[in-house]
Amino acid sequence: MPKVFITTKIPDAGISLLKAQGYEIEIGSAENLSEEKIKKLAKGADALLSQLEDRIDGALLDAIGPQLKVVANYSVGYDNVDLKSTKERGVLFTNTPGVQKEVVAEHAVALLLAVARRIVEGDRYTRAGKYKGFEPDLLVGTELAGKILGLIGHGRIGCRAADILQKGFGMKVMYYDSVRDEQREKQCGIAYASLQEVLSAADAVTIHVTLSASTRHLLGGKEIAFMKPTAYLVNTSRGAVIDEKELVKALQEKRIAGAGLDVFEEEPNLSPGLAALENVVLTPHVASASREARDKMAELAAQNIIAALSGQTPPNLVQS
């Protein structure tokens, strides 16, 4: 009977699919496990269902054993995985793409609205009993209608976020991506520009790129300096795409108007000073946290494992 080790509990939608196959299933914890605990608990597993916080490298794969056939990441991104190590050991690696487009795009828009209209500040102000009546200059924010949206990364999620803001708020969209897609530009009615041009022109910037060597600190101090002092920055991709310390400085000095962040450079830790800022809305890496998306992610991860253990090509194979 194949053994499946799940590092952290996932929705029952995925677990039930695995149980129906008669697999031996072990679940590590409701919280993130250390690498050493995973090595111990997953030893002898035929399949590993991992989370984004789990570091998958050669040492871990060797500790689990040569019988390991597949690692199914419960995530679209896979910067936690050493793909060279999985390939060298003949271990299939899969992810869960395509099911987070709507929910992450919605969250990006929600963060932008929250910071631009100072919704979280207003909530704290009201709960603290400070609201004494209407004041013309109380918590004045910014309208999005007719403003320029700068899109960094024009994949599925970025395209959907731009669509919502373009059609719903009348924002004008310009984008930067390492690969230009002229056909999609025409379809979406957006304009391509360099990173500097996008940052300089945009009233709001939202980031939708994967984390790689080329995108780490894609927005550092120099790039943030291109932004308008009235502009907002939203990130729902990966924290390390932004140099967080430089962002904190810019926010403290009000060189940009504010930021909405769902991801952080050294999760779960925040750069010093970030949490104290009023012009920032922070959420704990929950952009994909809708029941619909999380259930579908669990199903995809399970389907990837079932295919691999059946000798078939997993539907979301990243590496053979």
Protein backbone atom coordinates (compact mmCIF):
# COMPACT_ATOMS: atom_id res chain seq x y z
CA MET A 1 0.00 0.00 0.00
CA PRO A 2 1.61 3.35 -1.05
CA LYS A 3 2.28 5.81 1.73
CA VAL A 4 1.42 9.50 1.32
CA PHE A 5 2.86 11.98 3.80
CA ILE A 6 1.14 15.38 4.02
CA THR A 7 3.29 17.88 5.90
CA THR A 8 0.39 20.10 7.00
CA LYS A 9 -3.35 19.36 6.95
CA ILE A 10 -5.09 20.33 3.72
CA PRO A 11 -8.84 20.53 3.00
CA ASP A 12 -10.77 17.25 3.06
CA ALA A 13 -11.56 17.69 -0.64
CA GLY A 14 -8.04 16.43 -1.37
CA ILE A 15 -7.64 13.98 1.49
CA SER A 16 -10.85 12.16 0.56
CA LEU A 17 -9.54 11.55 -2.97
CA LEU A 18 -6.37 10.00 -1.55
CA LYS A 19 -8.29 7.87 0.95
CA ALA A 20 -10.49 6.54 -1.86
CA GLN A 21 -7.35 5.06 -3.43
CA GLY A 22 -6.63 3.06 -0.29
CA TYR A 23 -3.33 4.82 0.40
CA GLU A 24 -1.75 4.93 3.82
CA ILE A 25 -2.03 8.60 4.74
CA GLU A 26 -0.10 10.42 7.45
CA ILE A 27 -0.52 14.09 8.25
CA GLY A 28 2.29 15.87 10.01
CA SER A 29 0.73 18.79 11.83
CA ALA A 30 -1.75 21.64 11.72
CA GLU A 31 1.28 23.94 11.69
CA ASN A 32 4.48 24.07 9.65
CA LEU A 33 6.97 21.33 10.48
CA SER A 34 10.72 21.74 10.69
CA GLU A 35 12.81 20.04 8.02
CA GLU A 36 14.13 17.59 10.60
CA LYS A 37 10.62 16.53 11.60
CA ILE A 38 9.61 16.06 7.99
CA LYS A 39 12.69 13.89 7.42
CA LYS A 40 11.68 11.69 10.34
CA LEU A 41 7.93 11.51 9.76
CA ALA A 42 8.00 11.18 5.96
CA LYS A 43 10.64 8.44 5.87
CA GLY A 44 9.49 5.63 3.61
CA ALA A 45 6.78 7.68 1.89
CA ASP A 46 5.97 7.12 -1.77
CA ALA A 47 4.49 10.60 -2.14
CA LEU A 48 5.07 13.86 -0.32
CA LEU A 49 2.41 16.58 -0.29
CA SER A 50 4.30 19.71 0.68
CA GLN A 51 3.48 23.32 1.52
CA LEU A 52 5.15 26.50 0.34
CA GLU A 53 6.93 26.82 3.69
CA ASP A 54 8.55 23.38 3.36
CA ARG A 55 12.06 23.46 1.95
CA ILE A 56 12.43 20.55 -0.47
CA ASP A 57 16.10 19.80 -1.15
CA GLY A 58 18.40 16.86 -1.73
CA ALA A 59 18.95 16.15 1.95
CA LEU A 60 15.21 15.89 2.59
CA LEU A 61 14.61 13.70 -0.46
CA ASP A 62 17.42 11.35 0.56
CA ALA A 63 16.05 11.12 4.09
CA ILE A 64 12.61 10.12 2.80
CA GLY A 65 14.17 7.40 0.66
CA PRO A 66 14.61 6.15 -2.92
CA GLN A 67 11.02 4.85 -3.08
CA LEU A 68 9.73 8.47 -3.22
CA LYS A 69 8.03 8.96 -6.58
CA VAL A 70 6.42 12.38 -6.40
CA VAL A 71 6.41 15.67 -4.50
CA ALA A 72 3.10 17.51 -4.89
CA ASN A 73 3.39 21.13 -3.81
CA TYR A 74 0.16 22.62 -2.42
CA SER A 75 0.97 25.87 -4.17
CA VAL A 76 1.32 27.47 -7.58
CA GLY A 77 4.78 28.81 -6.80
CA TYR A 78 7.68 26.49 -6.10
CA ASP A 79 10.59 28.65 -5.01
CA ASN A 80 10.74 26.35 -1.95
CA VAL A 81 11.86 23.42 -4.13
CA ASP A 82 15.30 22.56 -5.47
CA LEU A 83 14.23 21.24 -8.87
CA LYS A 84 17.73 20.06 -9.67
CA SER A 85 17.62 17.71 -6.69
CA THR A 86 14.23 16.25 -7.60
CA LYS A 87 15.32 15.72 -11.20
CA GLU A 88 18.58 14.04 -10.22
CA ARG A 89 16.65 11.56 -8.07
CA GLY A 90 13.95 10.90 -10.63
CA VAL A 91 11.25 12.35 -8.40
CA LEU A 92 8.29 13.93 -10.19
CA PHE A 93 7.39 17.42 -9.02
CA THR A 94 3.96 19.03 -9.41
CA ASN A 95 2.12 22.18 -8.40
CA THR A 96 -1.46 23.52 -8.38
CA PRO A 97 -1.77 26.19 -11.11
CA GLY A 98 -4.80 27.87 -12.60
CA VAL A 99 -7.13 27.83 -9.59
CA GLN A 100 -5.94 30.98 -7.80
CA LYS A 101 -6.53 33.49 -10.57
CA GLU A 102 -9.81 34.91 -9.32
CA VAL A 103 -9.17 34.82 -5.60
CA VAL A 104 -5.67 36.34 -5.67
CA ALA A 105 -6.72 39.01 -8.17
CA GLU A 106 -9.67 39.89 -5.91
CA HIS A 107 -7.35 40.12 -2.90
CA ALA A 108 -4.96 42.42 -4.74
CA VAL A 109 -7.86 44.71 -5.60
CA ALA A 110 -9.11 44.54 -2.01
CA LEU A 111 -5.69 45.57 -0.67
CA LEU A 112 -5.51 48.47 -3.10
CA LEU A 113 -8.98 49.69 -2.13
CA ALA A 114 -8.23 49.26 1.57
CA VAL A 115 -5.05 51.32 1.49
CA ALA A 116 -6.26 53.95 -0.98
CA ARG A 117 -9.52 54.56 0.91
CA ARG A 118 -7.86 54.11 4.34
CA ILE A 119 -10.39 51.49 5.36
CA VAL A 120 -8.26 49.76 7.99
CA GLU A 121 -7.27 53.08 9.51
CA GLY A 122 -10.93 54.04 9.64
CA ASP A 123 -11.85 50.77 11.32
CA ARG A 124 -9.22 51.25 14.03
CA TYR A 125 -10.22 54.89 14.49
CA THR A 126 -13.88 54.02 14.93
CA ARG A 127 -13.30 51.06 17.26
CA ALA A 128 -11.07 53.26 19.45
CA GLY A 129 -14.01 55.62 20.04
CA LYS A 130 -12.34 58.52 18.26
CA TYR A 131 -15.21 59.12 15.84
CA LYS A 132 -17.13 62.17 17.09
CA GLY A 133 -18.92 63.16 13.91
CA PHE A 134 -18.37 64.18 10.30
CA GLU A 135 -15.21 66.15 9.54
CA PRO A 136 -14.33 67.33 6.02
CA ASP A 137 -10.68 66.33 6.31
CA LEU A 138 -11.07 63.09 8.28
CA LEU A 139 -9.17 60.13 6.75
CA VAL A 140 -9.24 61.55 3.24
CA GLY A 141 -8.19 58.91 0.70
CA THR A 142 -7.77 58.59 -3.05
CA GLU A 143 -10.21 57.60 -5.79
CA LEU A 144 -9.09 54.95 -8.29
CA ALA A 145 -11.42 55.97 -11.12
CA GLY A 146 -9.49 57.18 -14.15
CA LYS A 147 -6.09 56.66 -12.51
CA ILE A 148 -3.17 54.72 -14.01
CA LEU A 149 -2.57 51.14 -12.90
CA GLY A 150 0.94 49.78 -13.27
CA LEU A 151 1.06 46.02 -13.60
CA ILE A 152 4.31 44.18 -12.87
CA GLY A 153 3.81 40.73 -14.40
CA HIS A 154 1.02 40.00 -16.86
CA GLY A 155 0.23 36.35 -16.25
CA ARG A 156 -3.18 34.93 -15.38
CA ILE A 157 -3.52 36.68 -12.01
CA GLY A 158 -2.09 40.00 -13.10
CA CYS A 159 -4.28 40.02 -16.18
CA ARG A 160 -7.40 39.35 -14.10
CA ALA A 161 -6.55 42.05 -11.52
CA ALA A 162 -6.04 44.53 -14.33
CA ASP A 163 -9.34 43.48 -15.88
CA ILE A 164 -11.24 44.13 -12.65
CA LEU A 165 -9.67 47.56 -12.14
CA GLN A 166 -9.90 48.52 -15.79
CA LYS A 167 -13.55 47.56 -16.30
CA GLY A 168 -14.80 48.17 -12.79
CA PHE A 169 -12.99 51.42 -11.99
CA GLY A 170 -12.02 52.80 -15.38
CA MET A 171 -8.33 52.63 -14.61
CA LYS A 172 -5.87 52.92 -17.49
CA VAL A 173 -3.43 50.00 -17.48
CA MET A 174 0.21 49.83 -18.46
CA TYR A 175 2.39 46.83 -17.74
CA TYR A 176 5.92 45.51 -17.55
CA ASP A 177 6.89 41.88 -17.99
CA SER A 178 10.15 40.16 -18.89
CA VAL A 179 8.32 38.78 -21.95
CA ARG A 180 6.15 41.10 -23.96
CA ASP A 181 2.84 39.73 -25.25
CA GLU A 182 1.57 42.02 -28.00
CA GLN A 183 -1.45 39.84 -28.75
CA ARG A 184 -2.68 40.04 -25.16
CA GLU A 185 -1.98 43.78 -25.12
CA LYS A 186 -4.49 44.22 -27.94
CA GLN A 187 -7.00 41.87 -26.33
CA CYS A 188 -6.81 43.61 -22.95
CA GLY A 189 -6.35 47.17 -24.18
CA ILE A 190 -3.19 47.77 -22.16
CA ALA A 191 0.17 49.35 -22.97
CA TYR A 192 3.64 47.85 -22.55
CA ALA A 193 6.45 49.95 -21.05
CA SER A 194 9.75 49.54 -19.28
CA LEU A 195 9.79 48.91 -15.53
CA GLN A 196 10.97 52.47 -14.88
CA GLU A 197 8.27 53.91 -17.11
CA VAL A 198 5.55 51.90 -15.41
CA LEU A 199 6.71 52.83 -11.92
CA SER A 200 7.06 56.50 -12.83
CA ALA A 201 3.62 56.85 -14.42
CA ALA A 202 1.43 54.65 -12.23
CA ASP A 203 -0.86 55.85 -9.47
CA ALA A 204 -1.05 52.27 -8.20
CA VAL A 205 1.35 49.39 -8.81
CA THR A 206 0.42 45.74 -8.27
CA ILE A 207 2.98 42.93 -8.50
CA HIS A 208 2.29 39.51 -10.03
CA VAL A 209 5.60 37.80 -10.82
CA THR A 210 7.13 34.55 -9.65
CA LEU A 211 10.20 34.64 -7.42
CA SER A 212 13.46 33.79 -9.16
CA ALA A 213 17.02 35.03 -9.22
CA SER A 214 16.00 37.68 -11.76
CA THR A 215 12.99 38.94 -9.78
CA ARG A 216 14.48 38.93 -6.27
CA HIS A 217 14.49 42.60 -5.18
CA LEU A 218 13.07 43.56 -8.56
CA LEU A 219 11.84 46.61 -6.68
CA GLY A 220 14.71 47.95 -4.61
CA GLY A 221 15.40 51.44 -3.36
CA LYS A 222 16.25 52.76 -6.83
CA GLU A 223 13.04 51.39 -8.36
CA ILE A 224 10.80 52.56 -5.52
CA ALA A 225 12.28 56.04 -5.96
CA PHE A 226 10.75 56.18 -9.45
CA MET A 227 7.24 56.00 -7.98
CA LYS A 228 5.05 59.04 -7.39
CA PRO A 229 4.69 60.26 -3.79
CA THR A 230 0.93 59.77 -4.25
CA ALA A 231 1.24 56.17 -5.53
CA TYR A 232 0.34 52.89 -3.83
CA LEU A 233 2.16 49.56 -4.04
CA VAL A 234 0.41 46.17 -3.72
CA ASN A 235 2.14 42.79 -3.54
CA THR A 236 0.40 39.40 -3.52
CA SER A 237 3.19 37.48 -5.30
CA ARG A 238 6.32 36.82 -3.21
CA GLY A 239 7.75 39.04 -0.52
CA ALA A 240 11.33 38.96 -1.72
CA VAL A 241 10.37 40.58 -5.03
CA ILE A 242 10.52 43.82 -3.01
CA ASP A 243 13.46 44.94 -0.87
CA GLU A 244 11.31 45.25 2.22
CA LYS A 245 13.74 47.41 4.21
CA GLU A 246 13.84 49.93 1.38
CA LEU A 247 10.06 49.88 1.18
CA VAL A 248 9.77 50.61 4.90
CA LYS A 249 12.07 53.62 4.49
CA ALA A 250 10.03 54.93 1.59
CA LEU A 251 6.80 54.55 3.53
CA GLN A 252 8.22 56.13 6.69
CA GLU A 253 9.47 59.09 4.70
CA LYS A 254 6.19 59.24 2.75
CA ARG A 255 8.00 58.96 -0.57
CA ILE A 256 5.05 56.80 -1.63
CA ALA A 257 1.52 57.08 -0.29
CA GLY A 258 1.04 53.56 1.00
CA ALA A 259 1.21 49.82 0.43
CA GLY A 260 -0.93 46.70 0.67
CA LEU A 261 1.10 43.56 1.36
CA ASP A 262 0.04 39.93 1.64
CA VAL A 263 3.58 38.53 1.42
CA PHE A 264 6.83 39.38 3.15
CA GLU A 265 10.52 38.92 2.51
CA GLU A 266 11.26 36.80 5.59
CA GLU A 267 7.89 35.26 6.41
CA PRO A 268 6.47 35.21 8.97
CA ASN A 269 8.78 37.97 10.20
CA LEU A 270 8.27 41.59 9.17
CA SER A 271 11.01 44.14 8.59
CA PRO A 272 11.46 46.46 11.58
CA GLY A 273 9.05 49.35 11.50
CA LEU A 274 6.63 47.86 8.97
CA ALA A 275 3.90 46.91 11.43
CA ALA A 276 3.92 50.37 13.02
CA LEU A 277 3.08 52.19 9.79
CA GLU A 278 -0.42 53.58 9.38
CA ASN A 279 -0.16 53.81 5.60
CA VAL A 280 0.15 50.04 5.14
CA VAL A 281 -2.45 47.26 5.07
CA LEU A 282 -0.98 43.86 5.98
CA THR A 283 -2.54 40.42 5.54
CA PRO A 284 -0.86 37.09 6.50
CA HIS A 285 -0.31 35.42 3.08
CA VAL A 286 -4.01 34.70 2.61
CA ALA A 287 -4.61 35.98 -0.93
CA SER A 288 -5.60 32.49 -2.04
CA ALA A 289 -7.67 31.81 1.07
CA SER A 290 -11.11 31.24 -0.34
CA ARG A 291 -12.82 27.92 0.34
CA GLU A 292 -13.28 27.39 -3.37
CA ALA A 293 -9.61 27.94 -4.23
CA ARG A 294 -8.20 25.97 -1.31
CA ASP A 295 -10.46 22.99 -2.01
CA LYS A 296 -9.47 22.99 -5.66
CA MET A 297 -5.77 23.21 -4.75
CA ALA A 298 -6.19 20.19 -2.49
CA GLU A 299 -7.94 18.27 -5.25
CA LEU A 300 -5.22 19.11 -7.78
CA ALA A 301 -2.44 18.06 -5.40
CA ALA A 302 -4.23 14.76 -4.74
CA GLN A 303 -4.84 14.15 -8.44
CA ASN A 304 -1.16 14.75 -9.14
CA ILE A 305 -0.20 12.14 -6.55
CA ILE A 306 -2.77 9.61 -7.76
CA ALA A 307 -1.53 9.91 -11.35
CA ALA A 308 2.13 9.60 -10.35
CA LEU A 309 1.56 6.55 -8.14
CA SER A 310 -0.46 4.95 -10.94
CA GLY A 311 2.43 5.29 -13.36
CA GLN A 312 0.74 8.08 -15.32
CA THR A 313 1.91 11.62 -16.08
CA PRO A 314 0.53 13.98 -13.43
CA PRO A 315 -1.74 16.68 -14.87
CA ASN A 316 0.34 19.49 -13.37
CA LEU A 317 3.83 18.15 -13.89
CA VAL A 318 6.52 20.82 -13.49
CA GLN A 319 9.46 18.49 -13.92
CA SER A 320 9.83 14.90 -15.12
